[in-house]
N, C-alpha and C. Protein backbone atom coordinates (compact mmCIF):
# COMPACT_ATOMS: atom_id res chain seq x y z
N MET A 1 -38.15 -15.95 44.60
CA MET A 1 -38.37 -14.63 44.04
C MET A 1 -39.67 -14.08 44.64
N ASN A 2 -39.60 -12.86 45.14
CA ASN A 2 -40.80 -12.29 45.76
C ASN A 2 -41.78 -11.79 44.69
N ILE A 3 -42.97 -11.46 45.15
CA ILE A 3 -44.05 -11.10 44.21
C ILE A 3 -43.71 -9.86 43.39
N ALA A 4 -43.05 -8.89 43.99
CA ALA A 4 -42.69 -7.67 43.25
C ALA A 4 -41.73 -7.99 42.11
N ASN A 5 -40.75 -8.86 42.37
CA ASN A 5 -39.80 -9.26 41.31
C ASN A 5 -40.50 -10.04 40.21
N ARG A 6 -41.42 -10.93 40.59
CA ARG A 6 -42.14 -11.71 39.58
C ARG A 6 -42.99 -10.80 38.71
N LEU A 7 -43.64 -9.82 39.31
CA LEU A 7 -44.46 -8.88 38.53
C LEU A 7 -43.59 -8.05 37.59
N THR A 8 -42.42 -7.66 38.06
CA THR A 8 -41.50 -6.88 37.23
C THR A 8 -41.06 -7.70 36.02
N HIS A 9 -40.69 -8.97 36.24
CA HIS A 9 -40.27 -9.84 35.13
C HIS A 9 -41.43 -10.08 34.17
N TYR A 10 -42.61 -10.30 34.71
CA TYR A 10 -43.80 -10.52 33.88
C TYR A 10 -44.05 -9.29 33.00
N ALA A 11 -44.03 -8.12 33.61
CA ALA A 11 -44.28 -6.88 32.87
C ALA A 11 -43.20 -6.66 31.82
N ASP A 12 -41.96 -6.97 32.16
CA ASP A 12 -40.86 -6.80 31.21
C ASP A 12 -41.04 -7.74 30.01
N ASP A 13 -41.37 -9.00 30.27
CA ASP A 13 -41.56 -9.96 29.18
C ASP A 13 -42.79 -9.62 28.33
N LEU A 14 -43.87 -9.19 28.97
CA LEU A 14 -45.06 -8.80 28.23
C LEU A 14 -44.77 -7.57 27.37
N GLY A 15 -44.06 -6.60 27.92
CA GLY A 15 -43.67 -5.41 27.16
C GLY A 15 -42.78 -5.76 25.97
N TYR A 16 -41.88 -6.72 26.18
CA TYR A 16 -41.02 -7.18 25.09
C TYR A 16 -41.87 -7.74 23.94
N LEU A 17 -42.86 -8.56 24.26
CA LEU A 17 -43.70 -9.14 23.21
C LEU A 17 -44.56 -8.08 22.53
N ILE A 18 -45.04 -7.12 23.28
CA ILE A 18 -45.83 -6.05 22.68
C ILE A 18 -44.97 -5.25 21.70
N ALA A 19 -43.70 -5.05 22.04
CA ALA A 19 -42.81 -4.25 21.19
C ALA A 19 -42.22 -5.03 20.02
N SER A 20 -42.29 -6.36 20.05
CA SER A 20 -41.62 -7.16 19.02
C SER A 20 -42.60 -8.04 18.26
N SER A 21 -43.04 -7.56 17.11
CA SER A 21 -44.01 -8.32 16.32
C SER A 21 -43.42 -9.65 15.83
N ILE A 22 -42.13 -9.67 15.52
CA ILE A 22 -41.52 -10.92 15.06
C ILE A 22 -41.52 -11.95 16.18
N SER A 23 -41.23 -11.54 17.39
CA SER A 23 -41.26 -12.48 18.52
C SER A 23 -42.66 -13.04 18.73
N ARG A 24 -43.67 -12.19 18.61
CA ARG A 24 -45.06 -12.67 18.74
C ARG A 24 -45.37 -13.69 17.66
N LYS A 25 -44.94 -13.42 16.44
CA LYS A 25 -45.21 -14.33 15.33
C LYS A 25 -44.49 -15.67 15.52
N VAL A 26 -43.26 -15.63 15.99
CA VAL A 26 -42.52 -16.86 16.23
C VAL A 26 -43.23 -17.69 17.29
N LEU A 27 -43.66 -17.05 18.38
CA LEU A 27 -44.38 -17.78 19.43
C LEU A 27 -45.69 -18.36 18.89
N TYR A 28 -46.35 -17.61 18.05
CA TYR A 28 -47.62 -18.09 17.50
C TYR A 28 -47.40 -19.35 16.66
N VAL A 29 -46.34 -19.37 15.86
CA VAL A 29 -46.02 -20.56 15.06
C VAL A 29 -45.73 -21.74 15.99
N LEU A 30 -44.96 -21.51 17.04
CA LEU A 30 -44.60 -22.58 17.96
C LEU A 30 -45.79 -23.07 18.78
N ARG A 31 -46.80 -22.26 18.86
CA ARG A 31 -48.01 -22.65 19.59
C ARG A 31 -48.68 -23.85 18.93
N ASN A 32 -48.45 -24.03 17.65
CA ASN A 32 -49.04 -25.15 16.91
C ASN A 32 -48.19 -26.41 16.98
N GLY A 33 -47.06 -26.36 17.66
CA GLY A 33 -46.18 -27.52 17.78
C GLY A 33 -44.73 -27.12 17.64
N TYR A 34 -43.86 -28.09 17.67
CA TYR A 34 -42.43 -27.83 17.58
C TYR A 34 -42.05 -27.49 16.13
N GLU A 35 -40.98 -26.72 16.00
CA GLU A 35 -40.51 -26.30 14.68
C GLU A 35 -39.02 -26.05 14.69
N THR A 36 -38.44 -26.06 13.51
CA THR A 36 -37.04 -25.67 13.32
C THR A 36 -37.01 -24.20 12.90
N PRO A 37 -35.89 -23.52 13.12
CA PRO A 37 -35.78 -22.13 12.67
C PRO A 37 -36.04 -21.98 11.17
N THR A 38 -35.58 -22.94 10.37
CA THR A 38 -35.78 -22.87 8.92
C THR A 38 -37.27 -22.89 8.58
N ASN A 39 -38.02 -23.77 9.20
CA ASN A 39 -39.47 -23.84 8.93
C ASN A 39 -40.19 -22.59 9.40
N ILE A 40 -39.80 -22.07 10.56
CA ILE A 40 -40.41 -20.83 11.06
C ILE A 40 -40.14 -19.71 10.06
N SER A 41 -38.91 -19.64 9.56
CA SER A 41 -38.53 -18.63 8.58
C SER A 41 -39.40 -18.72 7.32
N LYS A 42 -39.63 -19.94 6.85
CA LYS A 42 -40.44 -20.13 5.64
C LYS A 42 -41.90 -19.76 5.88
N VAL A 43 -42.45 -20.19 7.01
CA VAL A 43 -43.86 -19.90 7.31
C VAL A 43 -44.10 -18.40 7.43
N LEU A 44 -43.20 -17.72 8.11
CA LEU A 44 -43.39 -16.28 8.35
C LEU A 44 -42.81 -15.38 7.26
N LYS A 45 -42.06 -16.00 6.34
CA LYS A 45 -41.41 -15.23 5.27
C LYS A 45 -40.50 -14.14 5.86
N ILE A 46 -39.72 -14.58 6.84
CA ILE A 46 -38.75 -13.72 7.53
C ILE A 46 -37.40 -14.40 7.40
N SER A 47 -36.33 -13.62 7.30
CA SER A 47 -35.00 -14.21 7.11
C SER A 47 -34.65 -15.15 8.26
N LEU A 48 -33.89 -16.18 7.92
CA LEU A 48 -33.46 -17.16 8.92
C LEU A 48 -32.64 -16.50 10.02
N SER A 49 -31.80 -15.56 9.66
CA SER A 49 -30.98 -14.88 10.68
C SER A 49 -31.85 -14.10 11.67
N ASN A 50 -32.90 -13.48 11.16
CA ASN A 50 -33.83 -12.76 12.03
C ASN A 50 -34.56 -13.71 12.96
N VAL A 51 -35.02 -14.84 12.44
CA VAL A 51 -35.71 -15.84 13.24
C VAL A 51 -34.77 -16.40 14.30
N SER A 52 -33.55 -16.71 13.91
CA SER A 52 -32.57 -17.26 14.86
C SER A 52 -32.27 -16.28 15.99
N ALA A 53 -32.15 -15.00 15.66
CA ALA A 53 -31.90 -13.99 16.68
C ALA A 53 -33.08 -13.90 17.65
N LYS A 54 -34.30 -13.96 17.12
CA LYS A 54 -35.49 -13.90 17.98
C LYS A 54 -35.59 -15.14 18.86
N LEU A 55 -35.28 -16.30 18.29
CA LEU A 55 -35.33 -17.53 19.10
C LEU A 55 -34.33 -17.46 20.25
N LYS A 56 -33.16 -16.88 19.99
CA LYS A 56 -32.15 -16.74 21.03
C LYS A 56 -32.68 -15.83 22.15
N GLU A 57 -33.30 -14.71 21.78
CA GLU A 57 -33.87 -13.79 22.77
C GLU A 57 -35.01 -14.46 23.55
N LEU A 58 -35.89 -15.14 22.82
CA LEU A 58 -37.03 -15.81 23.46
C LEU A 58 -36.56 -16.91 24.40
N ASN A 59 -35.52 -17.62 24.01
CA ASN A 59 -34.95 -18.67 24.86
C ASN A 59 -34.38 -18.07 26.14
N LYS A 60 -33.66 -16.97 26.00
CA LYS A 60 -33.07 -16.28 27.15
C LYS A 60 -34.15 -15.84 28.15
N ARG A 61 -35.31 -15.46 27.65
CA ARG A 61 -36.42 -15.02 28.50
C ARG A 61 -37.25 -16.19 29.03
N GLY A 62 -36.94 -17.38 28.59
CA GLY A 62 -37.67 -18.56 29.04
C GLY A 62 -39.01 -18.75 28.36
N LEU A 63 -39.17 -18.17 27.17
CA LEU A 63 -40.44 -18.27 26.44
C LEU A 63 -40.45 -19.41 25.44
N VAL A 64 -39.27 -19.84 25.02
CA VAL A 64 -39.12 -21.03 24.16
C VAL A 64 -37.94 -21.83 24.70
N VAL A 65 -37.87 -23.08 24.26
CA VAL A 65 -36.73 -23.92 24.63
C VAL A 65 -36.37 -24.79 23.43
N CYS A 66 -35.06 -24.98 23.25
CA CYS A 66 -34.57 -25.88 22.22
C CYS A 66 -34.48 -27.26 22.84
N ILE A 67 -35.13 -28.25 22.22
CA ILE A 67 -35.16 -29.58 22.82
C ILE A 67 -34.00 -30.48 22.37
N ASN A 68 -33.20 -30.00 21.43
CA ASN A 68 -32.01 -30.74 21.00
C ASN A 68 -30.83 -29.78 20.78
N PRO A 69 -30.39 -29.08 21.83
CA PRO A 69 -29.38 -28.03 21.67
C PRO A 69 -28.01 -28.52 21.22
N GLU A 70 -27.76 -29.82 21.31
CA GLU A 70 -26.46 -30.36 20.90
C GLU A 70 -26.29 -30.36 19.38
N ARG A 71 -27.37 -30.26 18.64
CA ARG A 71 -27.31 -30.26 17.17
C ARG A 71 -26.91 -28.89 16.64
N LYS A 72 -26.17 -28.90 15.55
CA LYS A 72 -25.82 -27.65 14.87
C LYS A 72 -26.90 -27.29 13.85
N LYS A 73 -27.43 -28.30 13.17
CA LYS A 73 -28.52 -28.10 12.19
C LYS A 73 -29.71 -28.92 12.65
N GLY A 74 -30.89 -28.43 12.33
CA GLY A 74 -32.10 -29.16 12.68
C GLY A 74 -32.49 -29.02 14.14
N ARG A 75 -32.15 -27.89 14.74
CA ARG A 75 -32.58 -27.66 16.12
C ARG A 75 -34.09 -27.50 16.15
N ILE A 76 -34.69 -28.04 17.19
CA ILE A 76 -36.14 -28.00 17.32
C ILE A 76 -36.51 -27.17 18.55
N TYR A 77 -37.42 -26.24 18.33
CA TYR A 77 -37.88 -25.34 19.40
C TYR A 77 -39.34 -25.60 19.73
N VAL A 78 -39.67 -25.39 21.00
CA VAL A 78 -41.06 -25.46 21.46
C VAL A 78 -41.33 -24.26 22.35
N ILE A 79 -42.58 -23.88 22.43
CA ILE A 79 -42.99 -22.80 23.31
C ILE A 79 -43.08 -23.35 24.74
N THR A 80 -42.71 -22.56 25.71
CA THR A 80 -42.80 -22.97 27.11
C THR A 80 -44.16 -22.56 27.68
N GLU A 81 -44.46 -23.04 28.86
CA GLU A 81 -45.70 -22.62 29.54
C GLU A 81 -45.72 -21.12 29.72
N LYS A 82 -44.59 -20.56 30.10
CA LYS A 82 -44.48 -19.11 30.29
C LYS A 82 -44.77 -18.38 28.98
N GLY A 83 -44.21 -18.88 27.87
CA GLY A 83 -44.45 -18.26 26.57
C GLY A 83 -45.92 -18.34 26.18
N GLU A 84 -46.52 -19.49 26.42
CA GLU A 84 -47.95 -19.68 26.12
C GLU A 84 -48.80 -18.74 26.97
N LEU A 85 -48.49 -18.62 28.24
CA LEU A 85 -49.24 -17.73 29.14
C LEU A 85 -49.15 -16.28 28.67
N LEU A 86 -47.94 -15.83 28.36
CA LEU A 86 -47.78 -14.44 27.92
C LEU A 86 -48.48 -14.19 26.59
N LEU A 87 -48.44 -15.14 25.69
CA LEU A 87 -49.13 -14.99 24.41
C LEU A 87 -50.64 -14.84 24.64
N ARG A 88 -51.18 -15.62 25.56
CA ARG A 88 -52.61 -15.51 25.88
C ARG A 88 -52.96 -14.20 26.55
N LYS A 89 -52.00 -13.60 27.27
CA LYS A 89 -52.25 -12.37 28.02
C LYS A 89 -52.06 -11.10 27.19
N LEU A 90 -51.62 -11.24 25.96
CA LEU A 90 -51.45 -10.05 25.11
C LEU A 90 -52.78 -9.35 24.91
N PRO A 91 -52.77 -8.03 24.87
CA PRO A 91 -54.01 -7.32 24.54
C PRO A 91 -54.55 -7.77 23.19
N ASN A 92 -55.85 -7.74 23.00
CA ASN A 92 -56.49 -8.27 21.79
C ASN A 92 -55.93 -7.72 20.49
N GLY A 93 -55.59 -6.47 20.43
CA GLY A 93 -55.05 -5.89 19.20
C GLY A 93 -53.77 -6.57 18.75
N TYR A 94 -52.98 -7.01 19.69
CA TYR A 94 -51.72 -7.68 19.35
C TYR A 94 -51.97 -9.13 18.96
N LYS A 95 -53.01 -9.73 19.49
CA LYS A 95 -53.36 -11.10 19.12
C LYS A 95 -53.88 -11.14 17.69
N SER A 96 -54.71 -10.20 17.33
CA SER A 96 -55.32 -10.24 16.00
C SER A 96 -54.29 -10.02 14.90
N ASP A 97 -53.28 -9.19 15.13
CA ASP A 97 -52.29 -8.99 14.07
C ASP A 97 -51.46 -10.25 13.86
N ILE A 98 -51.29 -11.04 14.88
CA ILE A 98 -50.58 -12.31 14.72
C ILE A 98 -51.42 -13.26 13.90
N ASN A 99 -52.66 -13.45 14.29
CA ASN A 99 -53.53 -14.40 13.61
C ASN A 99 -53.69 -14.07 12.13
N LEU A 100 -53.96 -12.83 11.81
CA LEU A 100 -54.18 -12.44 10.43
C LEU A 100 -52.93 -12.64 9.58
N GLU A 101 -51.79 -12.24 10.09
CA GLU A 101 -50.56 -12.35 9.29
C GLU A 101 -50.13 -13.80 9.16
N TYR A 102 -50.35 -14.60 10.16
CA TYR A 102 -49.94 -16.00 10.09
C TYR A 102 -50.83 -16.79 9.13
N GLU A 103 -52.09 -16.44 9.05
CA GLU A 103 -53.02 -17.19 8.21
C GLU A 103 -52.89 -16.89 6.73
N GLU A 104 -52.20 -15.82 6.37
CA GLU A 104 -52.08 -15.45 4.95
C GLU A 104 -51.39 -16.52 4.14
């Protein structure tokens, strides 16, 4: 992939995170270690269906990965290097809203 394509994908993924507060929150939870969708839902007080949809989108973008995809229940997700990098590159205003809401 040439540099222009990589920059386009990077900008697209960064824009996605800026536009999706739930995706940012899910990544922030996964930054502390692996989790199941049910636990993420409980921590963030967001419906399981919403968390599952976000995990599917984040997985498609290569920001998270399921480490046991063969399971129907108890799937475990982790943040990827790409997801960690993009989370660190978010503008400060987007980082602070994640930290404050997660710590409540």
